[in-house]
């Protein structure tokens, strides 16, 4: 198959146009890449950090803040943390970690000779802890007020064995334990344990005067209990800032107990009085019942006497003699005042 000169010329023109189009696309692509990533590449190159265009393009495709990654890698490179790669920073960024905080913490730890590696720092950061503050606290221990005034209490109240209340303010100096930061208890636990230890130490004191004379006994006793176990801190010291004398709790409790005993005894006495009144009423009822029986029995006497008259067992003289004896007896009782309602002899 043969081509004419015109057909050959047309084919060459198409090739030329295609080459120009492809070259233009490539030129525009290179220009766009240089325009988008050139600044970051030059910045990294100027600071001696190894970041390639492919890595920058990968960051862009992964929707990662390339400027943040470049800046943090430059910081790590300048600090001598050459083992941290772009992939490590990208992975922590995609895990919603705070990359700048991790790098600043690693730099601070390196300067202070604190053993801290990148993976541990990332784990602490992802756990929600402020890794920068933790490293700073490891270098410069911080002081915690006990109790925490933010919670509404200003003193720890405890009672000695003599019943006197003491109000104590303490300050706890702690240093962050990096190896126990993940999973370790927070400041609230330290404050609660120290408060419990102070209450126990004061409660075991024989007199409040002992505490006032030697407040350091409390701090030593509390510090010896190892209250920082399981926490993210190491307790360096516990200092008693202030000790005030409060109320006489023992006397107040005794007074309250005496008042309670008084009310209880009064209630028991009232109970006994009510029982006595009830017993008296019951006895009176029995007396009236017995009187009724006596009246009924006396009502039978005339019947018995009449029956005796009819049977010939009782004569008239016997009857009058008995009536005289009854009258004489009644008179004697009235004179002696022995009969109810009779006037006593004056």
Protein backbone atom coordinates (compact mmCIF):
# COMPACT_ATOMS: atom_id res chain seq x y z
CA UNK A 1 0.00 0.00 0.00
CA UNK A 2 1.52 3.33 -1.04
CA UNK A 3 0.81 6.82 0.29
CA UNK A 4 0.86 9.97 -1.73
CA UNK A 5 2.95 12.93 -0.80
CA UNK A 6 -0.13 14.83 0.43
CA UNK A 7 -1.23 11.95 2.64
CA UNK A 8 2.24 11.63 4.11
CA UNK A 9 2.34 15.34 4.83
CA UNK A 10 -1.06 15.19 6.58
CA UNK A 11 0.06 12.28 8.75
CA UNK A 12 3.17 14.16 9.80
CA UNK A 13 1.08 17.17 10.69
CA UNK A 14 -1.11 15.02 12.95
CA UNK A 15 1.94 13.63 14.68
CA UNK A 16 3.27 17.12 15.18
CA UNK A 17 0.00 18.31 16.69
CA UNK A 18 -0.15 15.29 18.98
CA UNK A 19 3.43 15.83 20.12
CA UNK A 20 2.72 19.49 20.80
CA UNK A 21 -0.43 18.56 22.81
CA UNK A 22 1.36 15.93 24.85
CA UNK A 23 4.28 18.25 25.46
CA UNK A 24 1.93 21.02 26.54
CA UNK A 25 0.14 18.70 28.96
CA UNK A 26 3.43 17.52 30.39
CA UNK A 27 4.67 21.08 30.68
CA UNK A 28 1.49 22.18 32.42
CA UNK A 29 1.68 19.16 34.75
CA UNK A 30 5.27 19.95 35.66
CA UNK A 31 4.37 23.60 36.15
CA UNK A 32 1.43 22.69 38.39
CA UNK A 33 3.56 20.30 40.42
CA UNK A 34 6.28 22.89 40.83
CA UNK A 35 3.74 25.57 41.69
CA UNK A 36 1.93 23.41 44.24
CA UNK A 37 4.77 21.51 45.87
CA UNK A 38 7.83 23.47 44.85
CA UNK A 39 7.74 25.76 47.89
CA UNK A 40 7.49 22.84 50.31
CA UNK A 41 10.19 20.91 48.48
CA UNK A 42 12.56 23.88 48.45
CA UNK A 43 11.81 24.58 52.13
CA UNK A 44 12.62 21.01 53.08
CA UNK A 45 15.67 20.93 50.86
CA UNK A 46 16.98 24.20 52.29
CA UNK A 47 16.74 22.75 55.81
CA UNK A 48 18.44 19.51 54.86
CA UNK A 49 15.29 17.40 55.17
CA UNK A 50 14.72 14.59 52.70
CA UNK A 51 11.21 14.86 51.24
CA UNK A 52 10.61 13.93 47.61
CA UNK A 53 8.00 15.19 45.18
CA UNK A 54 6.38 11.75 45.24
CA UNK A 55 5.94 11.99 49.01
CA UNK A 56 4.44 15.47 48.69
CA UNK A 57 2.05 14.26 45.99
CA UNK A 58 1.14 11.30 48.19
CA UNK A 59 0.33 13.69 51.05
CA UNK A 60 -1.90 15.69 48.72
CA UNK A 61 -3.70 12.59 47.49
CA UNK A 62 -4.20 11.39 51.08
CA UNK A 63 -5.64 14.82 52.03
CA UNK A 64 -2.92 15.41 54.59
CA UNK A 65 -1.73 18.89 55.52
CA UNK A 66 1.61 18.82 53.70
CA UNK A 67 2.79 22.12 55.18
CA UNK A 68 2.25 20.74 58.72
CA UNK A 69 4.12 17.52 57.95
CA UNK A 70 7.03 19.40 56.36
CA UNK A 71 7.32 21.84 59.26
CA UNK A 72 7.26 19.11 61.91
CA UNK A 73 9.74 16.96 60.01
CA UNK A 74 12.10 19.93 59.73
CA UNK A 75 11.82 20.44 63.49
CA UNK A 76 12.56 16.78 64.14
CA UNK A 77 15.44 16.78 61.66
CA UNK A 78 17.00 19.88 63.20
CA UNK A 79 16.66 18.34 66.68
CA UNK A 80 18.48 15.19 65.57
CA UNK A 81 15.40 12.96 65.43
CA UNK A 82 16.39 11.51 62.06
CA UNK A 83 14.66 8.18 62.64
CA UNK A 84 11.22 9.76 62.27
CA UNK A 85 10.03 9.37 58.70
CA UNK A 86 7.39 11.16 56.68
CA UNK A 87 5.28 8.01 56.80
CA UNK A 88 5.38 8.02 60.61
CA UNK A 89 4.17 11.61 60.77
CA UNK A 90 1.50 10.96 58.17
CA UNK A 91 0.18 7.91 60.00
CA UNK A 92 -0.14 9.80 63.28
CA UNK A 93 -1.85 12.70 61.50
CA UNK A 94 -4.36 10.37 59.88
CA UNK A 95 -5.04 8.81 63.29
CA UNK A 96 -6.25 12.25 64.47
CA UNK A 97 -3.12 12.81 66.50
CA UNK A 98 -1.51 16.13 67.32
CA UNK A 99 1.71 15.84 65.36
CA UNK A 100 3.27 19.18 66.45
CA UNK A 101 2.72 18.31 70.13
CA UNK A 102 4.41 14.95 69.70
CA UNK A 103 7.46 16.47 68.01
CA UNK A 104 7.77 19.23 70.62
CA UNK A 105 7.51 16.67 73.40
CA UNK A 106 10.17 14.45 71.80
CA UNK A 107 12.52 17.42 71.41
CA UNK A 108 12.00 18.46 75.04
CA UNK A 109 12.51 14.90 76.25
CA UNK A 110 15.72 14.58 74.24
CA UNK A 111 17.08 17.81 75.67
CA UNK A 112 16.24 16.67 79.22
CA UNK A 113 17.62 13.13 78.71
CA UNK A 114 14.19 11.59 79.32
CA UNK A 115 13.70 8.22 77.59
CA UNK A 116 10.79 8.72 75.21
CA UNK A 117 10.38 7.18 71.77
CA UNK A 118 8.06 8.22 68.94
CA UNK A 119 5.61 5.33 69.31
CA UNK A 120 5.17 5.93 73.05
CA UNK A 121 4.65 9.64 72.48
CA UNK A 122 2.03 8.90 69.81
CA UNK A 123 0.24 6.46 72.12
CA UNK A 124 0.14 9.04 74.92
CA UNK A 125 -1.15 11.69 72.53
CA UNK A 126 -3.85 9.43 71.11
CA UNK A 127 -4.90 8.54 74.67
CA UNK A 128 -5.93 12.18 75.12
CA UNK A 129 -3.09 13.21 77.41
CA UNK A 130 -1.14 16.42 76.87
CA UNK A 131 2.24 14.96 76.04
CA UNK A 132 3.95 18.36 76.05
CA UNK A 133 2.68 19.14 79.55
CA UNK A 134 3.68 15.65 80.71
CA UNK A 135 7.27 16.12 79.53
CA UNK A 136 7.41 19.61 81.01
CA UNK A 137 6.16 18.25 84.33
CA UNK A 138 8.81 15.56 84.20
CA UNK A 139 11.45 18.26 83.84
CA UNK A 140 9.85 20.84 86.16
CA UNK A 141 7.73 19.16 88.87
CA UNK A 142 4.46 20.92 89.59
CA UNK A 143 2.64 21.58 92.84
CA UNK A 144 -0.93 20.38 93.41
CA UNK A 145 -3.12 21.96 96.09
CA UNK A 146 -4.85 19.48 98.36
CA UNK A 147 -7.78 19.84 98.48
CA UNK A 148 -8.41 21.45 95.12
CA UNK A 149 -10.09 24.86 95.70
CA UNK A 150 -11.91 24.49 92.38
CA UNK A 151 -13.99 21.68 93.89
CA UNK A 152 -15.37 24.01 96.56
CA UNK A 153 -13.32 22.87 99.57
CA UNK A 154 -10.38 24.78 100.98
CA UNK A 155 -9.30 22.50 103.85
CA UNK A 156 -9.14 18.84 104.79
CA UNK A 157 -11.04 18.35 108.05
CA UNK A 158 -9.95 15.57 110.41
CA UNK A 159 -10.46 14.78 114.11
CA UNK A 160 -7.74 13.61 116.52
CA UNK A 161 -8.38 11.08 119.28
CA UNK A 162 -9.00 13.86 121.83
CA UNK A 163 -11.99 15.01 119.78
CA UNK A 164 -10.50 18.28 118.46
CA UNK A 165 -11.02 19.02 114.78
CA UNK A 166 -8.08 20.18 112.65
CA UNK A 167 -8.33 21.93 109.27
CA UNK A 168 -5.32 21.18 107.07
CA UNK A 169 -4.07 22.56 103.77
CA UNK A 170 -1.41 20.56 101.95
CA UNK A 171 0.66 20.91 98.80
CA UNK A 172 1.82 17.90 96.84
CA UNK A 173 4.85 18.14 94.55
CA UNK A 174 4.61 15.61 91.72
CA UNK A 175 6.60 14.65 88.65
CA UNK A 176 5.05 12.92 85.64
CA UNK A 177 6.00 9.26 85.15
CA UNK A 178 6.12 8.89 81.37
CA UNK A 179 6.02 5.10 81.50
CA UNK A 180 2.78 5.17 83.56
CA UNK A 181 1.10 8.01 81.72
CA UNK A 182 -1.09 5.72 79.60
CA UNK A 183 -3.58 4.07 81.94
CA UNK A 184 -2.33 5.90 85.04
CA UNK A 185 -4.66 7.74 87.40
CA UNK A 186 -4.94 11.51 87.16
CA UNK A 187 -4.43 14.38 89.62
CA UNK A 188 -7.87 13.84 91.19
CA UNK A 189 -6.79 10.41 92.40
CA UNK A 190 -3.60 11.80 93.91
CA UNK A 191 -5.57 14.53 95.72
CA UNK A 192 -8.10 12.00 97.04
CA UNK A 193 -5.39 9.62 98.29
CA UNK A 194 -3.42 12.38 99.98
CA UNK A 195 -6.59 13.67 101.65
CA UNK A 196 -7.41 10.18 102.88
CA UNK A 197 -3.88 9.75 104.20
CA UNK A 198 -4.00 13.07 106.08
CA UNK A 199 -7.34 12.18 107.69
CA UNK A 200 -5.95 8.79 108.73
CA UNK A 201 -2.74 10.29 110.13
CA UNK A 202 -4.59 12.91 112.19
CA UNK A 203 -7.16 10.38 113.38
CA UNK A 204 -4.40 8.12 114.71
CA UNK A 205 -2.82 10.98 116.69
CA UNK A 206 -3.45 10.87 120.45
CA UNK A 207 -3.86 14.64 120.74
CA UNK A 208 -4.28 17.52 118.33
CA UNK A 209 -1.33 19.18 120.08
CA UNK A 210 0.98 16.53 118.64
CA UNK A 211 -0.09 17.51 115.14
CA UNK A 212 0.33 21.22 115.84
CA UNK A 213 3.79 20.64 117.31
CA UNK A 214 5.04 18.41 114.48
CA UNK A 215 3.06 18.81 111.24
CA UNK A 216 5.84 17.01 109.37
CA UNK A 217 4.75 13.77 111.03
CA UNK A 218 1.62 13.87 108.90
CA UNK A 219 3.51 14.42 105.66
CA UNK A 220 6.00 11.68 106.49
CA UNK A 221 3.28 9.21 107.41
CA UNK A 222 1.32 9.96 104.24
CA UNK A 223 4.40 9.87 102.00
CA UNK A 224 5.41 6.48 103.40
CA UNK A 225 2.16 4.89 102.19
CA UNK A 226 3.20 4.98 98.52
CA UNK A 227 0.12 6.84 97.36
CA UNK A 228 1.47 7.28 93.82
CA UNK A 229 1.07 3.59 92.95
CA UNK A 230 -1.04 3.18 89.84
CA UNK A 231 -1.00 6.89 89.04
CA UNK A 232 0.69 8.82 86.26
CA UNK A 233 2.83 10.73 88.77
CA UNK A 234 5.66 10.27 91.21
CA UNK A 235 5.05 12.08 94.51
CA UNK A 236 8.22 13.91 95.46
CA UNK A 237 7.01 15.59 98.65
CA UNK A 238 3.91 16.38 100.68
CA UNK A 239 4.09 19.68 102.56
CA UNK A 240 1.59 20.86 105.17
CA UNK A 241 0.92 24.49 104.27
CA UNK A 242 -1.48 25.38 107.10
CA UNK A 243 -3.11 23.78 110.15
CA UNK A 244 -6.04 25.43 111.96
CA UNK A 245 -7.96 24.24 115.02
CA UNK A 246 -11.64 23.71 114.39
CA UNK A 247 -14.51 22.66 116.63
CA UNK A 248 -14.44 20.33 119.63
CA UNK A 249 -16.17 17.50 117.84
CA UNK A 250 -15.78 15.14 120.80
CA UNK A 251 -17.59 17.50 123.18
CA UNK A 252 -20.31 18.14 120.61
CA UNK A 253 -20.81 14.43 120.15
CA UNK A 254 -20.95 13.85 123.91
CA UNK A 255 -23.49 16.65 124.32
CA UNK A 256 -25.57 15.24 121.49
CA UNK A 257 -25.32 11.77 123.04
CA UNK A 258 -26.35 13.11 126.45
CA UNK A 259 -29.35 14.88 124.92
CA UNK A 260 -30.31 11.69 123.10
CA UNK A 261 -29.96 9.68 126.34
CA UNK A 262 -32.09 12.25 128.16
CA UNK A 263 -34.85 11.96 125.61
CA UNK A 264 -34.62 8.19 125.71
CA UNK A 265 -34.84 8.10 129.52
CA UNK A 266 -37.75 10.54 129.45
CA UNK A 267 -39.52 8.35 126.95
CA UNK A 268 -38.90 5.27 129.10
CA UNK A 269 -40.16 7.10 132.22
CA UNK A 270 -43.26 8.23 130.38
CA UNK A 271 -43.76 4.66 129.26
CA UNK A 272 -43.50 3.39 132.83
CA UNK A 273 -45.89 6.12 134.05
CA UNK A 274 -48.41 5.21 131.39
CA UNK A 275 -48.07 1.56 132.33
CA UNK A 276 -48.57 2.42 136.01
CA UNK A 277 -51.70 4.44 135.21
CA UNK A 278 -53.01 1.60 133.10
CA UNK A 279 -52.27 -0.87 135.93
CA UNK A 280 -54.03 1.38 138.42
CA UNK A 281 -57.08 1.61 136.21
CA UNK A 282 -57.03 -2.12 135.81
CA UNK A 283 -56.80 -2.64 139.60
CA UNK A 284 -59.69 -0.24 140.15
CA UNK A 285 -61.74 -2.19 137.67
CA UNK A 286 -60.94 -5.40 139.54
CA UNK A 287 -61.92 -3.77 142.88
CA UNK A 288 -65.25 -2.69 141.46
CA UNK A 289 -65.72 -6.15 140.08
CA UNK A 290 -64.99 -7.69 143.50
CA UNK A 291 -67.34 -5.21 145.18
CA UNK A 292 -70.05 -6.25 142.83
CA UNK A 293 -69.43 -9.86 143.78
CA UNK A 294 -69.61 -8.89 147.47
CA UNK A 295 -72.90 -7.10 146.91
CA UNK A 296 -74.22 -10.14 145.13
CA UNK A 297 -73.02 -12.34 147.99
CA UNK A 298 -74.60 -10.04 150.60
CA UNK A 299 -77.85 -10.18 148.66
CA UNK A 300 -77.90 -13.90 149.29
CA UNK A 301 -77.75 -13.45 153.12
CA UNK A 302 -81.41 -12.44 153.59
CA UNK A 303 -82.45 -15.35 151.46
CA UNK A 304 -80.33 -17.71 153.54
CA UNK A 305 -81.74 -16.28 156.79
CA UNK A 306 -85.29 -16.63 155.56
CA UNK A 307 -84.56 -20.19 154.60
CA UNK A 308 -83.08 -20.75 158.08
CA UNK A 309 -86.23 -19.34 159.71
CA UNK A 310 -88.43 -21.60 157.64
CA UNK A 311 -86.27 -24.61 158.40
CA UNK A 312 -86.18 -23.90 162.13
CA UNK A 313 -82.42 -23.48 162.17
CA UNK A 314 -82.53 -19.81 163.29
CA UNK A 315 -84.62 -18.32 166.07
CA UNK A 316 -85.82 -14.80 166.67
CA UNK A 317 -83.42 -14.22 169.55
CA UNK A 318 -80.53 -15.44 167.45
CA UNK A 319 -81.56 -13.04 164.71
CA UNK A 320 -81.73 -10.03 167.04
CA UNK A 321 -78.47 -11.00 168.69
CA UNK A 322 -76.77 -11.08 165.26
CA UNK A 323 -78.27 -7.67 164.39
CA UNK A 324 -76.88 -6.20 167.57
CA UNK A 325 -73.45 -7.57 166.81
CA UNK A 326 -73.57 -6.09 163.26
CA UNK A 327 -74.70 -2.71 164.58
CA UNK A 328 -72.00 -2.70 167.24
CA UNK A 329 -69.39 -3.59 164.65
CA UNK A 330 -70.55 -0.84 162.29
CA UNK A 331 -70.44 1.69 165.09
CA UNK A 332 -66.90 0.70 166.03
CA UNK A 333 -65.78 0.97 162.41
CA UNK A 334 -67.30 4.41 162.03
CA UNK A 335 -65.63 5.57 165.23
CA UNK A 336 -62.26 4.16 164.04
CA UNK A 337 -62.74 5.68 160.55
CA UNK A 338 -62.34 2.35 158.90
CA UNK A 339 -65.45 2.57 156.78
CA UNK A 340 -65.21 4.49 153.51
CA UNK A 341 -67.00 7.77 153.78
CA UNK A 342 -66.98 7.78 157.62
CA UNK A 343 -65.56 10.74 159.49
CA UNK A 344 -62.38 9.88 161.40
CA UNK A 345 -62.40 10.40 165.15
CA UNK A 346 -60.99 13.76 166.21
